[in-house]
C-alpha cells in the first residue's frame, strides 16, 4: 500500500470520527451514523490495500 493511500485512508477515518463526535454532541443521529459509515469505509479500503500487498509478496 502506498504512503498516499495510507494517508488518505487515515484522513477519511479521522473525518469520520469527527463527524461521529459532532453528531453525538449535537444529538444528530444522522451525522453520527454517517461518521461511523465513513470510518467503516476507510477501514475496508485499508484492509483491501493490505490484502493486495499480501498477494504481491
C-alpha atoms as a PDB file:
ATOM      1  CA  UNK A   1       0.000   0.000   0.000  1.00  0.00           C
ATOM      2  CA  UNK A   2       1.366   3.361  -0.951  1.00  0.00           C
ATOM      3  CA  UNK A   3       2.003   6.090   1.538  1.00  0.00           C
ATOM      4  CA  UNK A   4      -0.552   8.315  -0.190  1.00  0.00           C
ATOM      5  CA  UNK A   5      -3.221   5.610   0.149  1.00  0.00           C
ATOM      6  CA  UNK A   6      -2.445   5.180   3.832  1.00  0.00           C
ATOM      7  CA  UNK A   7      -2.644   8.920   4.417  1.00  0.00           C
ATOM      8  CA  UNK A   8      -5.918   9.230   2.533  1.00  0.00           C
ATOM      9  CA  UNK A   9      -7.479   6.323   4.424  1.00  0.00           C
ATOM     10  CA  UNK A  10      -6.341   7.773   7.748  1.00  0.00           C
ATOM     11  CA  UNK A  11      -7.730  11.199   6.816  1.00  0.00           C
ATOM     12  CA  UNK A  12     -11.085   9.623   5.931  1.00  0.00           C
ATOM     13  CA  UNK A  13     -11.091   7.716   9.205  1.00  0.00           C
ATOM     14  CA  UNK A  14     -10.348  10.857  11.223  1.00  0.00           C
ATOM     15  CA  UNK A  15     -13.021  12.820   9.360  1.00  0.00           C
ATOM     16  CA  UNK A  16     -15.489  10.036  10.153  1.00  0.00           C
ATOM     17  CA  UNK A  17     -14.541  10.142  13.812  1.00  0.00           C
ATOM     18  CA  UNK A  18     -15.029  13.902  13.891  1.00  0.00           C
ATOM     19  CA  UNK A  19     -18.414  13.623  12.185  1.00  0.00           C
ATOM     20  CA  UNK A  20     -19.475  10.908  14.633  1.00  0.00           C
ATOM     21  CA  UNK A  21     -18.435  13.004  17.658  1.00  0.00           C
ATOM     22  CA  UNK A  22     -20.172  16.092  16.279  1.00  0.00           C
ATOM     23  CA  UNK A  23     -23.323  14.049  15.821  1.00  0.00           C
ATOM     24  CA  UNK A  24     -23.088  12.799  19.393  1.00  0.00           C
ATOM     25  CA  UNK A  25     -22.591  16.301  20.792  1.00  0.00           C
ATOM     26  CA  UNK A  26     -25.398  17.851  18.763  1.00  0.00           C
ATOM     27  CA  UNK A  27     -27.736  14.879  19.101  1.00  0.00           C
ATOM     28  CA  UNK A  28     -27.811  14.437  15.307  1.00  0.00           C
ATOM     29  CA  UNK A  29     -28.063  10.695  14.809  1.00  0.00           C
ATOM     30  CA  UNK A  30     -27.745  11.012  11.025  1.00  0.00           C
ATOM     31  CA  UNK A  31     -24.340  12.712  11.318  1.00  0.00           C
ATOM     32  CA  UNK A  32     -23.256  10.211  13.933  1.00  0.00           C
ATOM     33  CA  UNK A  33     -24.221   7.296  11.693  1.00  0.00           C
ATOM     34  CA  UNK A  34     -22.566   8.885   8.652  1.00  0.00           C
ATOM     35  CA  UNK A  35     -19.374   9.233  10.671  1.00  0.00           C
ATOM     36  CA  UNK A  36     -19.481   5.583  11.630  1.00  0.00           C
ATOM     37  CA  UNK A  37     -20.093   4.622   7.993  1.00  0.00           C
ATOM     38  CA  UNK A  38     -17.166   6.776   6.833  1.00  0.00           C
ATOM     39  CA  UNK A  39     -14.908   5.038   9.346  1.00  0.00           C
ATOM     40  CA  UNK A  40     -16.083   1.607   8.239  1.00  0.00           C
ATOM     41  CA  UNK A  41     -15.494   2.509   4.585  1.00  0.00           C
ATOM     42  CA  UNK A  42     -11.990   3.691   5.392  1.00  0.00           C
ATOM     43  CA  UNK A  43     -11.239   0.514   7.320  1.00  0.00           C
ATOM     44  CA  UNK A  44     -12.477  -1.641   4.427  1.00  0.00           C
ATOM     45  CA  UNK A  45     -10.273   0.242   1.980  1.00  0.00           C
ATOM     46  CA  UNK A  46      -7.312  -0.200   4.296  1.00  0.00           C
ATOM     47  CA  UNK A  47      -7.990  -3.927   4.604  1.00  0.00           C
ATOM     48  CA  UNK A  48      -8.294  -4.238   0.829  1.00  0.00           C
ATOM     49  CA  UNK A  49      -4.980  -2.479   0.299  1.00  0.00           C
ATOM     50  CA  UNK A  50      -3.317  -4.747   2.865  1.00  0.00           C
ATOM     51  CA  UNK A  51      -4.727  -7.824   1.114  1.00  0.00           C
ATOM     52  CA  UNK A  52      -3.385  -6.614  -2.229  1.00  0.00           C
ATOM     53  CA  UNK A  53       0.022  -6.064  -0.631  1.00  0.00           C
ATOM     54  CA  UNK A  54      -0.010  -9.572   0.839  1.00  0.00           C
ATOM     55  CA  UNK A  55      -0.598 -11.113  -2.598  1.00  0.00           C
ATOM     56  CA  UNK A  56       2.201  -9.068  -4.161  1.00  0.00           C
ATOM     57  CA  UNK A  57       4.801 -10.543  -1.790  1.00  0.00           C
END
